[in-house]
Amino acid sequence: MNDFLFLIALSLLTSIFTTWLVIFTFRWYIQKYLKSKLQELFPKIVEEFKLQLQQAFVQSAKELLPEFKKEIKKSFKEAIDETLTPKVLEEISQSITSTALGVFQNSWNFFLGKGDENKK
């Protein structure tokens, strides 16, 4: 029985030692070789990512810009149509007409020499 327990304990110890050795070797390999390779590749990967991201952004802008322009034009036309109702246009034209008529009348009165009578 003691020999059997000794063999089980020995197999457990060797498996633990083997596992520890594999982990230690793997960590050493990563730190020694892979870390330096990753440090070399990282800037290239970042630049590649930036380039792909920029290309995707430009492509999506090319696809969406015409629709965006159409939507802006449509919204602008709707806003103008809503604000420039017939009543507003009539008020604007009356205001312009009365202002122009007043300027013309004052100029005509001044030309005829009646400019001083309006001030009294």
PDB file of N, CA and C in Angstrom:
ATOM      1  N   MET A   1       0.816  -1.196   0.000  1.00  0.00           N
ATOM      2  CA  MET A   1       0.000   0.000   0.000  1.00  0.00           C
ATOM      3  C   MET A   1       0.856   1.255   0.000  1.00  0.00           C
ATOM      4  N   ASN A   2       1.946   1.193   0.737  1.00  0.00           N
ATOM      5  CA  ASN A   2       2.839   2.345   0.796  1.00  0.00           C
ATOM      6  C   ASN A   2       3.472   2.616  -0.569  1.00  0.00           C
ATOM      7  N   ASP A   3       3.790   1.533  -1.270  1.00  0.00           N
ATOM      8  CA  ASP A   3       4.372   1.723  -2.591  1.00  0.00           C
ATOM      9  C   ASP A   3       3.350   2.372  -3.543  1.00  0.00           C
ATOM     10  N   PHE A   4       2.103   1.973  -3.393  1.00  0.00           N
ATOM     11  CA  PHE A   4       1.068   2.543  -4.235  1.00  0.00           C
ATOM     12  C   PHE A   4       0.879   4.034  -3.950  1.00  0.00           C
ATOM     13  N   LEU A   5       0.849   4.422  -2.691  1.00  0.00           N
ATOM     14  CA  LEU A   5       0.727   5.827  -2.317  1.00  0.00           C
ATOM     15  C   LEU A   5       1.951   6.618  -2.764  1.00  0.00           C
ATOM     16  N   PHE A   6       3.108   5.975  -2.683  1.00  0.00           N
ATOM     17  CA  PHE A   6       4.339   6.634  -3.134  1.00  0.00           C
ATOM     18  C   PHE A   6       4.283   6.920  -4.631  1.00  0.00           C
ATOM     19  N   LEU A   7       3.777   5.940  -5.406  1.00  0.00           N
ATOM     20  CA  LEU A   7       3.675   6.140  -6.852  1.00  0.00           C
ATOM     21  C   LEU A   7       2.669   7.239  -7.200  1.00  0.00           C
ATOM     22  N   ILE A   8       1.552   7.296  -6.502  1.00  0.00           N
ATOM     23  CA  ILE A   8       0.554   8.347  -6.734  1.00  0.00           C
ATOM     24  C   ILE A   8       1.146   9.708  -6.386  1.00  0.00           C
ATOM     25  N   ALA A   9       1.819   9.807  -5.262  1.00  0.00           N
ATOM     26  CA  ALA A   9       2.430  11.073  -4.850  1.00  0.00           C
ATOM     27  C   ALA A   9       3.520  11.479  -5.843  1.00  0.00           C
ATOM     28  N   LEU A  10       4.313  10.504  -6.283  1.00  0.00           N
ATOM     29  CA  LEU A  10       5.372  10.794  -7.243  1.00  0.00           C
ATOM     30  C   LEU A  10       4.783  11.258  -8.579  1.00  0.00           C
ATOM     31  N   SER A  11       3.718  10.631  -9.045  1.00  0.00           N
ATOM     32  CA  SER A  11       3.105  11.037 -10.315  1.00  0.00           C
ATOM     33  C   SER A  11       2.471  12.426 -10.187  1.00  0.00           C
ATOM     34  N   LEU A  12       1.873  12.716  -9.032  1.00  0.00           N
ATOM     35  CA  LEU A  12       1.320  14.055  -8.820  1.00  0.00           C
ATOM     36  C   LEU A  12       2.425  15.114  -8.804  1.00  0.00           C
ATOM     37  N   LEU A  13       3.507  14.828  -8.123  1.00  0.00           N
ATOM     38  CA  LEU A  13       4.623  15.775  -8.058  1.00  0.00           C
ATOM     39  C   LEU A  13       5.242  15.992  -9.439  1.00  0.00           C
ATOM     40  N   THR A  14       5.412  14.943 -10.195  1.00  0.00           N
ATOM     41  CA  THR A  14       6.004  15.107 -11.526  1.00  0.00           C
ATOM     42  C   THR A  14       5.052  15.861 -12.455  1.00  0.00           C
ATOM     43  N   SER A  15       3.744  15.619 -12.321  1.00  0.00           N
ATOM     44  CA  SER A  15       2.799  16.357 -13.169  1.00  0.00           C
ATOM     45  C   SER A  15       2.788  17.838 -12.787  1.00  0.00           C
ATOM     46  N   ILE A  16       2.842  18.135 -11.508  1.00  0.00           N
ATOM     47  CA  ILE A  16       2.904  19.531 -11.062  1.00  0.00           C
ATOM     48  C   ILE A  16       4.192  20.186 -11.549  1.00  0.00           C
ATOM     49  N   PHE A  17       5.305  19.489 -11.420  1.00  0.00           N
ATOM     50  CA  PHE A  17       6.592  20.013 -11.878  1.00  0.00           C
ATOM     51  C   PHE A  17       6.580  20.237 -13.397  1.00  0.00           C
ATOM     52  N   THR A  18       6.019  19.302 -14.146  1.00  0.00           N
ATOM     53  CA  THR A  18       5.948  19.425 -15.606  1.00  0.00           C
ATOM     54  C   THR A  18       5.070  20.613 -15.993  1.00  0.00           C
ATOM     55  N   THR A  19       3.953  20.761 -15.324  1.00  0.00           N
ATOM     56  CA  THR A  19       3.064  21.893 -15.601  1.00  0.00           C
ATOM     57  C   THR A  19       3.779  23.205 -15.309  1.00  0.00           C
ATOM     58  N   TRP A  20       4.444  23.282 -14.190  1.00  0.00           N
ATOM     59  CA  TRP A  20       5.181  24.491 -13.826  1.00  0.00           C
ATOM     60  C   TRP A  20       6.284  24.779 -14.852  1.00  0.00           C
ATOM     61  N   LEU A  21       6.976  23.742 -15.287  1.00  0.00           N
ATOM     62  CA  LEU A  21       8.043  23.900 -16.269  1.00  0.00           C
ATOM     63  C   LEU A  21       7.495  24.401 -17.608  1.00  0.00           C
ATOM     64  N   VAL A  22       6.350  23.883 -18.039  1.00  0.00           N
ATOM     65  CA  VAL A  22       5.737  24.321 -19.294  1.00  0.00           C
ATOM     66  C   VAL A  22       5.304  25.783 -19.177  1.00  0.00           C
ATOM     67  N   ILE A  23       4.676  26.134 -18.072  1.00  0.00           N
ATOM     68  CA  ILE A  23       4.232  27.518 -17.871  1.00  0.00           C
ATOM     69  C   ILE A  23       5.430  28.467 -17.849  1.00  0.00           C
ATOM     70  N   PHE A  24       6.454  28.120 -17.117  1.00  0.00           N
ATOM     71  CA  PHE A  24       7.650  28.948 -17.027  1.00  0.00           C
ATOM     72  C   PHE A  24       8.304  29.110 -18.404  1.00  0.00           C
ATOM     73  N   THR A  25       8.419  28.019 -19.149  1.00  0.00           N
ATOM     74  CA  THR A  25       9.037  28.071 -20.478  1.00  0.00           C
ATOM     75  C   THR A  25       8.192  28.924 -21.422  1.00  0.00           C
ATOM     76  N   PHE A  26       6.908  28.764 -21.367  1.00  0.00           N
ATOM     77  CA  PHE A  26       6.017  29.528 -22.234  1.00  0.00           C
ATOM     78  C   PHE A  26       6.105  31.030 -21.926  1.00  0.00           C
ATOM     79  N   ARG A  27       6.091  31.381 -20.643  1.00  0.00           N
ATOM     80  CA  ARG A  27       6.210  32.791 -20.258  1.00  0.00           C
ATOM     81  C   ARG A  27       7.558  33.360 -20.687  1.00  0.00           C
ATOM     82  N   TRP A  28       8.606  32.598 -20.530  1.00  0.00           N
ATOM     83  CA  TRP A  28       9.939  33.053 -20.947  1.00  0.00           C
ATOM     84  C   TRP A  28       9.979  33.261 -22.464  1.00  0.00           C
ATOM     85  N   TYR A  29       9.393  32.344 -23.202  1.00  0.00           N
ATOM     86  CA  TYR A  29       9.350  32.454 -24.657  1.00  0.00           C
ATOM     87  C   TYR A  29       8.577  33.703 -25.087  1.00  0.00           C
ATOM     88  N   ILE A  30       7.438  33.935 -24.444  1.00  0.00           N
ATOM     89  CA  ILE A  30       6.635  35.113 -24.771  1.00  0.00           C
ATOM     90  C   ILE A  30       7.417  36.396 -24.488  1.00  0.00           C
ATOM     91  N   GLN A  31       8.029  36.464 -23.326  1.00  0.00           N
ATOM     92  CA  GLN A  31       8.765  37.670 -22.970  1.00  0.00           C
ATOM     93  C   GLN A  31       9.987  37.880 -23.849  1.00  0.00           C
ATOM     94  N   LYS A  32      10.653  36.827 -24.208  1.00  0.00           N
ATOM     95  CA  LYS A  32      11.906  36.958 -24.955  1.00  0.00           C
ATOM     96  C   LYS A  32      11.655  37.211 -26.448  1.00  0.00           C
ATOM     97  N   TYR A  33      10.795  36.444 -27.080  1.00  0.00           N
ATOM     98  CA  TYR A  33      10.656  36.493 -28.531  1.00  0.00           C
ATOM     99  C   TYR A  33       9.394  37.221 -28.998  1.00  0.00           C
ATOM    100  N   LEU A  34       8.279  36.818 -28.468  1.00  0.00           N
ATOM    101  CA  LEU A  34       7.027  37.369 -28.975  1.00  0.00           C
ATOM    102  C   LEU A  34       6.852  38.846 -28.630  1.00  0.00           C
ATOM    103  N   LYS A  35       7.329  39.263 -27.469  1.00  0.00           N
ATOM    104  CA  LYS A  35       7.186  40.649 -27.063  1.00  0.00           C
ATOM    105  C   LYS A  35       7.915  41.575 -28.027  1.00  0.00           C
ATOM    106  N   SER A  36       9.127  41.217 -28.405  1.00  0.00           N
ATOM    107  CA  SER A  36       9.880  42.061 -29.337  1.00  0.00           C
ATOM    108  C   SER A  36       9.219  42.069 -30.723  1.00  0.00           C
ATOM    109  N   LYS A  37       8.706  40.933 -31.152  1.00  0.00           N
ATOM    110  CA  LYS A  37       8.021  40.886 -32.450  1.00  0.00           C
ATOM    111  C   LYS A  37       6.733  41.694 -32.420  1.00  0.00           C
ATOM    112  N   LEU A  38       6.025  41.617 -31.310  1.00  0.00           N
ATOM    113  CA  LEU A  38       4.802  42.405 -31.187  1.00  0.00           C
ATOM    114  C   LEU A  38       5.107  43.898 -31.152  1.00  0.00           C
ATOM    115  N   GLN A  39       6.193  44.277 -30.503  1.00  0.00           N
ATOM    116  CA  GLN A  39       6.581  45.686 -30.474  1.00  0.00           C
ATOM    117  C   GLN A  39       6.969  46.176 -31.872  1.00  0.00           C
ATOM    118  N   GLU A  40       7.521  45.315 -32.682  1.00  0.00           N
ATOM    119  CA  GLU A  40       7.838  45.686 -34.062  1.00  0.00           C
ATOM    120  C   GLU A  40       6.582  45.782 -34.921  1.00  0.00           C
ATOM    121  N   LEU A  41       5.672  44.857 -34.719  1.00  0.00           N
ATOM    122  CA  LEU A  41       4.471  44.799 -35.548  1.00  0.00           C
ATOM    123  C   LEU A  41       3.383  45.784 -35.130  1.00  0.00           C
ATOM    124  N   PHE A  42       3.366  46.192 -33.884  1.00  0.00           N
ATOM    125  CA  PHE A  42       2.291  47.033 -33.377  1.00  0.00           C
ATOM    126  C   PHE A  42       2.142  48.343 -34.155  1.00  0.00           C
ATOM    127  N   PRO A  43       3.227  49.102 -34.406  1.00  0.00           N
ATOM    128  CA  PRO A  43       3.046  50.334 -35.200  1.00  0.00           C
ATOM    129  C   PRO A  43       2.504  50.061 -36.605  1.00  0.00           C
ATOM    130  N   LYS A  44       2.937  48.964 -37.216  1.00  0.00           N
ATOM    131  CA  LYS A  44       2.435  48.620 -38.548  1.00  0.00           C
ATOM    132  C   LYS A  44       0.944  48.296 -38.491  1.00  0.00           C
ATOM    133  N   ILE A  45       0.546  47.583 -37.463  1.00  0.00           N
ATOM    134  CA  ILE A  45      -0.864  47.222 -37.301  1.00  0.00           C
ATOM    135  C   ILE A  45      -1.704  48.477 -37.070  1.00  0.00           C
ATOM    136  N   VAL A  46      -1.192  49.386 -36.255  1.00  0.00           N
ATOM    137  CA  VAL A  46      -1.920  50.629 -35.983  1.00  0.00           C
ATOM    138  C   VAL A  46      -2.063  51.454 -37.262  1.00  0.00           C
ATOM    139  N   GLU A  47      -1.000  51.565 -38.040  1.00  0.00           N
ATOM    140  CA  GLU A  47      -1.065  52.318 -39.294  1.00  0.00           C
ATOM    141  C   GLU A  47      -2.040  51.669 -40.286  1.00  0.00           C
ATOM    142  N   GLU A  48      -2.007  50.364 -40.361  1.00  0.00           N
ATOM    143  CA  GLU A  48      -2.931  49.638 -41.239  1.00  0.00           C
ATOM    144  C   GLU A  48      -4.382  49.873 -40.807  1.00  0.00           C
ATOM    145  N   PHE A  49      -4.605  49.843 -39.504  1.00  0.00           N
ATOM    146  CA  PHE A  49      -5.948  50.083 -38.973  1.00  0.00           C
ATOM    147  C   PHE A  49      -6.409  51.507 -39.294  1.00  0.00           C
ATOM    148  N   LYS A  50      -5.515  52.487 -39.096  1.00  0.00           N
ATOM    149  CA  LYS A  50      -5.858  53.878 -39.411  1.00  0.00           C
ATOM    150  C   LYS A  50      -6.204  54.036 -40.887  1.00  0.00           C
ATOM    151  N   LEU A  51      -5.410  53.416 -41.742  1.00  0.00           N
ATOM    152  CA  LEU A  51      -5.640  53.508 -43.184  1.00  0.00           C
ATOM    153  C   LEU A  51      -6.983  52.893 -43.563  1.00  0.00           C
ATOM    154  N   GLN A  52      -7.268  51.719 -43.025  1.00  0.00           N
ATOM    155  CA  GLN A  52      -8.545  51.062 -43.331  1.00  0.00           C
ATOM    156  C   GLN A  52      -9.720  51.867 -42.786  1.00  0.00           C
ATOM    157  N   LEU A  53      -9.543  52.427 -41.600  1.00  0.00           N
ATOM    158  CA  LEU A  53     -10.603  53.239 -41.007  1.00  0.00           C
ATOM    159  C   LEU A  53     -10.848  54.492 -41.842  1.00  0.00           C
ATOM    160  N   GLN A  54      -9.781  55.121 -42.296  1.00  0.00           N
ATOM    161  CA  GLN A  54      -9.911  56.306 -43.132  1.00  0.00           C
ATOM    162  C   GLN A  54     -10.596  55.965 -44.454  1.00  0.00           C
ATOM    163  N   GLN A  55     -10.213  54.874 -45.065  1.00  0.00           N
ATOM    164  CA  GLN A  55     -10.829  54.459 -46.323  1.00  0.00           C
ATOM    165  C   GLN A  55     -12.317  54.158 -46.131  1.00  0.00           C
ATOM    166  N   ALA A  56     -12.641  53.509 -45.035  1.00  0.00           N
ATOM    167  CA  ALA A  56     -14.050  53.206 -44.758  1.00  0.00           C
ATOM    168  C   ALA A  56     -14.838  54.488 -44.521  1.00  0.00           C
ATOM    169  N   PHE A  57     -14.235  55.437 -43.832  1.00  0.00           N
ATOM    170  CA  PHE A  57     -14.906  56.711 -43.575  1.00  0.00           C
ATOM    171  C   PHE A  57     -15.147  57.469 -44.876  1.00  0.00           C
ATOM    172  N   VAL A  58     -14.147  57.518 -45.744  1.00  0.00           N
ATOM    173  CA  VAL A  58     -14.289  58.207 -47.026  1.00  0.00           C
ATOM    174  C   VAL A  58     -15.353  57.521 -47.878  1.00  0.00           C
ATOM    175  N   GLN A  59     -15.338  56.211 -47.898  1.00  0.00           N
ATOM    176  CA  GLN A  59     -16.323  55.457 -48.682  1.00  0.00           C
ATOM    177  C   GLN A  59     -17.740  55.710 -48.173  1.00  0.00           C
ATOM    178  N   SER A  60     -17.923  55.674 -46.869  1.00  0.00           N
ATOM    179  CA  SER A  60     -19.262  55.917 -46.323  1.00  0.00           C
ATOM    180  C   SER A  60     -19.690  57.358 -46.562  1.00  0.00           C
ATOM    181  N   ALA A  61     -18.739  58.294 -46.526  1.00  0.00           N
ATOM    182  CA  ALA A  61     -19.082  59.688 -46.810  1.00  0.00           C
ATOM    183  C   ALA A  61     -19.518  59.842 -48.263  1.00  0.00           C
ATOM    184  N   LYS A  62     -18.837  59.149 -49.174  1.00  0.00           N
ATOM    185  CA  LYS A  62     -19.222  59.217 -50.591  1.00  0.00           C
ATOM    186  C   LYS A  62     -20.624  58.649 -50.798  1.00  0.00           C
ATOM    187  N   GLU A  63     -20.960  57.624 -50.042  1.00  0.00           N
ATOM    188  CA  GLU A  63     -22.276  57.010 -50.198  1.00  0.00           C
ATOM    189  C   GLU A  63     -23.375  57.857 -49.564  1.00  0.00           C
ATOM    190  N   LEU A  64     -23.078  58.475 -48.421  1.00  0.00           N
ATOM    191  CA  LEU A  64     -24.116  59.182 -47.680  1.00  0.00           C
ATOM    192  C   LEU A  64     -24.245  60.653 -48.042  1.00  0.00           C
ATOM    193  N   LEU A  65     -23.203  61.259 -48.603  1.00  0.00           N
ATOM    194  CA  LEU A  65     -23.233  62.687 -48.878  1.00  0.00           C
ATOM    195  C   LEU A  65     -24.332  63.097 -49.859  1.00  0.00           C
ATOM    196  N   PRO A  66     -24.558  62.379 -50.966  1.00  0.00           N
ATOM    197  CA  PRO A  66     -25.653  62.791 -51.858  1.00  0.00           C
ATOM    198  C   PRO A  66     -27.020  62.760 -51.173  1.00  0.00           C
ATOM    199  N   GLU A  67     -27.263  61.742 -50.378  1.00  0.00           N
ATOM    200  CA  GLU A  67     -28.538  61.671 -49.654  1.00  0.00           C
ATOM    201  C   GLU A  67     -28.652  62.818 -48.658  1.00  0.00           C
ATOM    202  N   PHE A  68     -27.551  63.141 -48.001  1.00  0.00           N
ATOM    203  CA  PHE A  68     -27.548  64.231 -47.031  1.00  0.00           C
ATOM    204  C   PHE A  68     -27.833  65.562 -47.724  1.00  0.00           C
ATOM    205  N   LYS A  69     -27.217  65.775 -48.887  1.00  0.00           N
ATOM    206  CA  LYS A  69     -27.458  67.008 -49.641  1.00  0.00           C
ATOM    207  C   LYS A  69     -28.924  67.107 -50.058  1.00  0.00           C
ATOM    208  N   LYS A  70     -29.491  65.990 -50.528  1.00  0.00           N
ATOM    209  CA  LYS A  70     -30.897  65.993 -50.938  1.00  0.00           C
ATOM    210  C   LYS A  70     -31.798  66.330 -49.750  1.00  0.00           C
ATOM    211  N   GLU A  71     -31.493  65.756 -48.600  1.00  0.00           N
ATOM    212  CA  GLU A  71     -32.298  66.002 -47.406  1.00  0.00           C
ATOM    213  C   GLU A  71     -32.196  67.462 -46.969  1.00  0.00           C
ATOM    214  N   ILE A  72     -31.009  68.034 -47.055  1.00  0.00           N
ATOM    215  CA  ILE A  72     -30.826  69.443 -46.691  1.00  0.00           C
ATOM    216  C   ILE A  72     -31.611  70.337 -47.646  1.00  0.00           C
ATOM    217  N   LYS A  73     -31.508  70.071 -48.953  1.00  0.00           N
ATOM    218  CA  LYS A  73     -32.253  70.871 -49.934  1.00  0.00           C
ATOM    219  C   LYS A  73     -33.748  70.767 -49.680  1.00  0.00           C
ATOM    220  N   LYS A  74     -34.215  69.551 -49.431  1.00  0.00           N
ATOM    221  CA  LYS A  74     -35.642  69.340 -49.184  1.00  0.00           C
ATOM    222  C   LYS A  74     -36.091  70.111 -47.942  1.00  0.00           C
ATOM    223  N   SER A  75     -35.308  70.014 -46.878  1.00  0.00           N
ATOM    224  CA  SER A  75     -35.659  70.714 -45.634  1.00  0.00           C
ATOM    225  C   SER A  75     -35.638  72.220 -45.829  1.00  0.00           C
ATOM    226  N   PHE A  76     -34.652  72.718 -46.566  1.00  0.00           N
ATOM    227  CA  PHE A  76     -34.554  74.155 -46.814  1.00  0.00           C
ATOM    228  C   PHE A  76     -35.759  74.646 -47.624  1.00  0.00           C
ATOM    229  N   LYS A  77     -36.135  73.891 -48.659  1.00  0.00           N
ATOM    230  CA  LYS A  77     -37.300  74.263 -49.464  1.00  0.00           C
ATOM    231  C   LYS A  77     -38.575  74.251 -48.626  1.00  0.00           C
ATOM    232  N   GLU A  78     -38.708  73.242 -47.761  1.00  0.00           N
ATOM    233  CA  GLU A  78     -39.882  73.175 -46.893  1.00  0.00           C
ATOM    234  C   GLU A  78     -39.926  74.366 -45.946  1.00  0.00           C
ATOM    235  N   ALA A  79     -38.765  74.742 -45.408  1.00  0.00           N
ATOM    236  CA  ALA A  79     -38.723  75.880 -44.491  1.00  0.00           C
ATOM    237  C   ALA A  79     -39.093  77.167 -45.208  1.00  0.00           C
ATOM    238  N   ILE A  80     -38.597  77.338 -46.415  1.00  0.00           N
ATOM    239  CA  ILE A  80     -38.945  78.537 -47.183  1.00  0.00           C
ATOM    240  C   ILE A  80     -40.429  78.540 -47.521  1.00  0.00           C
ATOM    241  N   ASP A  81     -40.948  77.402 -47.936  1.00  0.00           N
ATOM    242  CA  ASP A  81     -42.374  77.311 -48.277  1.00  0.00           C
ATOM    243  C   ASP A  81     -43.254  77.602 -47.066  1.00  0.00           C
ATOM    244  N   GLU A  82     -42.815  77.153 -45.891  1.00  0.00           N
ATOM    245  CA  GLU A  82     -43.605  77.376 -44.683  1.00  0.00           C
ATOM    246  C   GLU A  82     -43.537  78.829 -44.230  1.00  0.00           C
ATOM    247  N   THR A  83     -42.391  79.481 -44.394  1.00  0.00           N
ATOM    248  CA  THR A  83     -42.274  80.856 -43.917  1.00  0.00           C
ATOM    249  C   THR A  83     -42.778  81.867 -44.930  1.00  0.00           C
ATOM    250  N   LEU A  84     -42.649  81.575 -46.200  1.00  0.00           N
ATOM    251  CA  LEU A  84     -43.094  82.519 -47.228  1.00  0.00           C
ATOM    252  C   LEU A  84     -44.501  82.163 -47.710  1.00  0.00           C
ATOM    253  N   THR A  85     -45.449  82.341 -46.828  1.00  0.00           N
ATOM    254  CA  THR A  85     -46.850  82.116 -47.187  1.00  0.00           C
ATOM    255  C   THR A  85     -47.337  83.313 -48.001  1.00  0.00           C
ATOM    256  N   PRO A  86     -48.451  83.181 -48.698  1.00  0.00           N
ATOM    257  CA  PRO A  86     -48.973  84.310 -49.481  1.00  0.00           C
ATOM    258  C   PRO A  86     -49.185  85.573 -48.643  1.00  0.00           C
ATOM    259  N   LYS A  87     -49.619  85.402 -47.399  1.00  0.00           N
ATOM    260  CA  LYS A  87     -49.853  86.566 -46.540  1.00  0.00           C
ATOM    261  C   LYS A  87     -48.535  87.280 -46.247  1.00  0.00           C
ATOM    262  N   VAL A  88     -47.500  86.518 -45.943  1.00  0.00           N
ATOM    263  CA  VAL A  88     -46.193  87.107 -45.654  1.00  0.00           C
ATOM    264  C   VAL A  88     -45.649  87.801 -46.893  1.00  0.00           C
ATOM    265  N   LEU A  89     -45.772  87.166 -48.046  1.00  0.00           N
ATOM    266  CA  LEU A  89     -45.306  87.779 -49.293  1.00  0.00           C
ATOM    267  C   LEU A  89     -46.062  89.083 -49.575  1.00  0.00           C
ATOM    268  N   GLU A  90     -47.358  89.097 -49.290  1.00  0.00           N
ATOM    269  CA  GLU A  90     -48.156  90.308 -49.496  1.00  0.00           C
ATOM    270  C   GLU A  90     -47.689  91.421 -48.563  1.00  0.00           C
ATOM    271  N   GLU A  91     -47.434  91.075 -47.303  1.00  0.00           N
ATOM    272  CA  GLU A  91     -46.954  92.077 -46.346  1.00  0.00           C
ATOM    273  C   GLU A  91     -45.587  92.619 -46.764  1.00  0.00           C
ATOM    274  N   ILE A  92     -44.708  91.744 -47.233  1.00  0.00           N
ATOM    275  CA  ILE A  92     -43.384  92.177 -47.672  1.00  0.00           C
ATOM    276  C   ILE A  92     -43.507  93.103 -48.873  1.00  0.00           C
ATOM    277  N   SER A  93     -44.329  92.718 -49.838  1.00  0.00           N
ATOM    278  CA  SER A  93     -44.483  93.563 -51.030  1.00  0.00           C
ATOM    279  C   SER A  93     -45.123  94.901 -50.681  1.00  0.00           C
ATOM    280  N   GLN A  94     -46.087  94.934 -49.744  1.00  0.00           N
ATOM    281  CA  GLN A  94     -46.701  96.199 -49.327  1.00  0.00           C
ATOM    282  C   GLN A  94     -45.681  97.084 -48.617  1.00  0.00           C
ATOM    283  N   SER A  95     -44.864  96.486 -47.800  1.00  0.00           N
ATOM    284  CA  SER A  95     -43.836  97.252 -47.092  1.00  0.00           C
ATOM    285  C   SER A  95     -42.833  97.846 -48.064  1.00  0.00           C
ATOM    286  N   ILE A  96     -42.382  97.043 -49.023  1.00  0.00           N
ATOM    287  CA  ILE A  96     -41.428  97.539 -50.025  1.00  0.00           C
ATOM    288  C   ILE A  96     -42.073  98.628 -50.872  1.00  0.00           C
ATOM    289  N   THR A  97     -43.322  98.424 -51.256  1.00  0.00           N
ATOM    290  CA  THR A  97     -44.023  99.396 -52.089  1.00  0.00           C
ATOM    291  C   THR A  97     -44.219 100.710 -51.343  1.00  0.00           C
ATOM    292  N   SER A  98     -44.654 100.631 -50.077  1.00  0.00           N
ATOM    293  CA  SER A  98     -44.891 101.865 -49.317  1.00  0.00           C
ATOM    294  C   SER A  98     -43.580 102.605 -49.065  1.00  0.00           C
ATOM    295  N   THR A  99     -42.496 101.874 -48.805  1.00  0.00           N
ATOM    296  CA  THR A  99     -41.201 102.505 -48.606  1.00  0.00           C
ATOM    297  C   THR A  99     -40.723 103.171 -49.890  1.00  0.00           C
ATOM    298  N   ALA A 100     -40.832 102.466 -50.991  1.00  0.00           N
ATOM    299  CA  ALA A 100     -40.414 103.032 -52.282  1.00  0.00           C
ATOM    300  C   ALA A 100     -41.284 104.224 -52.647  1.00  0.00           C
ATOM    301  N   LEU A 101     -42.591 104.131 -52.391  1.00  0.00           N
ATOM    302  CA  LEU A 101     -43.501 105.222 -52.693  1.00  0.00           C
ATOM    303  C   LEU A 101     -43.173 106.444 -51.841  1.00  0.00           C
ATOM    304  N   GLY A 102     -42.865 106.215 -50.563  1.00  0.00           N
ATOM    305  CA  GLY A 102     -42.493 107.322 -49.669  1.00  0.00           C
ATOM    306  C   GLY A 102     -41.217 108.003 -50.130  1.00  0.00           C
ATOM    307  N   VAL A 103     -40.235 107.230 -50.532  1.00  0.00           N
ATOM    308  CA  VAL A 103     -38.981 107.799 -51.024  1.00  0.00           C
ATOM    309  C   VAL A 103     -39.239 108.583 -52.304  1.00  0.00           C
ATOM    310  N   PHE A 104     -40.021 108.014 -53.196  1.00  0.00           N
ATOM    311  CA  PHE A 104     -40.338 108.708 -54.450  1.00  0.00           C
ATOM    312  C   PHE A 104     -41.111 109.999 -54.179  1.00  0.00           C
ATOM    313  N   GLN A 105     -42.084 109.942 -53.269  1.00  0.00           N
ATOM    314  CA  GLN A 105     -42.894 111.111 -52.956  1.00  0.00           C
ATOM    315  C   GLN A 105     -42.047 112.208 -52.329  1.00  0.00           C
ATOM    316  N   ASN A 106     -41.169 111.856 -51.423  1.00  0.00           N
ATOM    317  CA  ASN A 106     -40.291 112.847 -50.801  1.00  0.00           C
ATOM    318  C   ASN A 106     -39.349 113.458 -51.843  1.00  0.00           C
ATOM    319  N   SER A 107     -38.821 112.621 -52.720  1.00  0.00           N
ATOM    320  CA  SER A 107     -37.940 113.141 -53.772  1.00  0.00           C
ATOM    321  C   SER A 107     -38.701 114.070 -54.708  1.00  0.00           C
ATOM    322  N   TRP A 108     -39.938 113.694 -55.062  1.00  0.00           N
ATOM    323  CA  TRP A 108     -40.740 114.518 -55.967  1.00  0.00           C
ATOM    324  C   TRP A 108     -41.088 115.849 -55.307  1.00  0.00           C
ATOM    325  N   ASN A 109     -41.451 115.801 -54.041  1.00  0.00           N
ATOM    326  CA  ASN A 109     -41.757 117.036 -53.313  1.00  0.00           C
ATOM    327  C   ASN A 109     -40.525 117.924 -53.205  1.00  0.00           C
ATOM    328  N   PHE A 110     -39.381 117.334 -52.960  1.00  0.00           N
ATOM    329  CA  PHE A 110     -38.143 118.106 -52.880  1.00  0.00           C
ATOM    330  C   PHE A 110     -37.834 118.730 -54.238  1.00  0.00           C
ATOM    331  N   PHE A 111     -38.068 117.976 -55.294  1.00  0.00           N
ATOM    332  CA  PHE A 111     -37.816 118.474 -56.647  1.00  0.00           C
ATOM    333  C   PHE A 111     -38.727 119.659 -56.981  1.00  0.00           C
ATOM    334  N   LEU A 112     -39.977 119.571 -56.501  1.00  0.00           N
ATOM    335  CA  LEU A 112     -40.930 120.642 -56.768  1.00  0.00           C
ATOM    336  C   LEU A 112     -40.806 121.793 -55.775  1.00  0.00           C
ATOM    337  N   GLY A 113     -39.959 121.625 -54.780  1.00  0.00           N
ATOM    338  CA  GLY A 113     -39.766 122.681 -53.795  1.00  0.00           C
ATOM    339  C   GLY A 113     -40.761 122.636 -52.671  1.00  0.00           C
ATOM    340  N   LYS A 114     -41.422 121.551 -52.467  1.00  0.00           N
ATOM    341  CA  LYS A 114     -42.408 121.406 -51.406  1.00  0.00           C
ATOM    342  C   LYS A 114     -41.842 120.662 -50.204  1.00  0.00           C
ATOM    343  N   GLY A 115     -40.550 120.520 -50.121  1.00  0.00           N
ATOM    344  CA  GLY A 115     -39.933 119.765 -49.040  1.00  0.00           C
ATOM    345  C   GLY A 115     -40.080 120.442 -47.699  1.00  0.00           C
ATOM    346  N   ASP A 116     -40.105 121.773 -47.650  1.00  0.00           N
ATOM    347  CA  ASP A 116     -40.208 122.499 -46.380  1.00  0.00           C
ATOM    348  C   ASP A 116     -41.615 122.477 -45.824  1.00  0.00           C
ATOM    349  N   GLU A 117     -42.627 122.346 -46.651  1.00  0.00           N
ATOM    350  CA  GLU A 117     -44.020 122.359 -46.184  1.00  0.00           C
ATOM    351  C   GLU A 117     -44.352 121.121 -45.371  1.00  0.00           C
ATOM    352  N   ASN A 118     -43.751 119.988 -45.733  1.00  0.00           N
ATOM    353  CA  ASN A 118     -44.033 118.749 -44.999  1.00  0.00           C
ATOM    354  C   ASN A 118     -43.434 118.783 -43.605  1.00  0.00           C
ATOM    355  N   LYS A 119     -42.372 119.540 -43.417  1.00  0.00           N
ATOM    356  CA  LYS A 119     -41.716 119.599 -42.110  1.00  0.00           C
ATOM    357  C   LYS A 119     -42.474 120.495 -41.141  1.00  0.00           C
ATOM    358  N   LYS A 120     -43.218 121.484 -41.665  1.00  0.00           N
ATOM    359  CA  LYS A 120     -43.950 122.423 -40.786  1.00  0.00           C
ATOM    360  C   LYS A 120     -45.159 121.788 -40.288  1.00  0.00           C
TER     361      LYS A 120
END
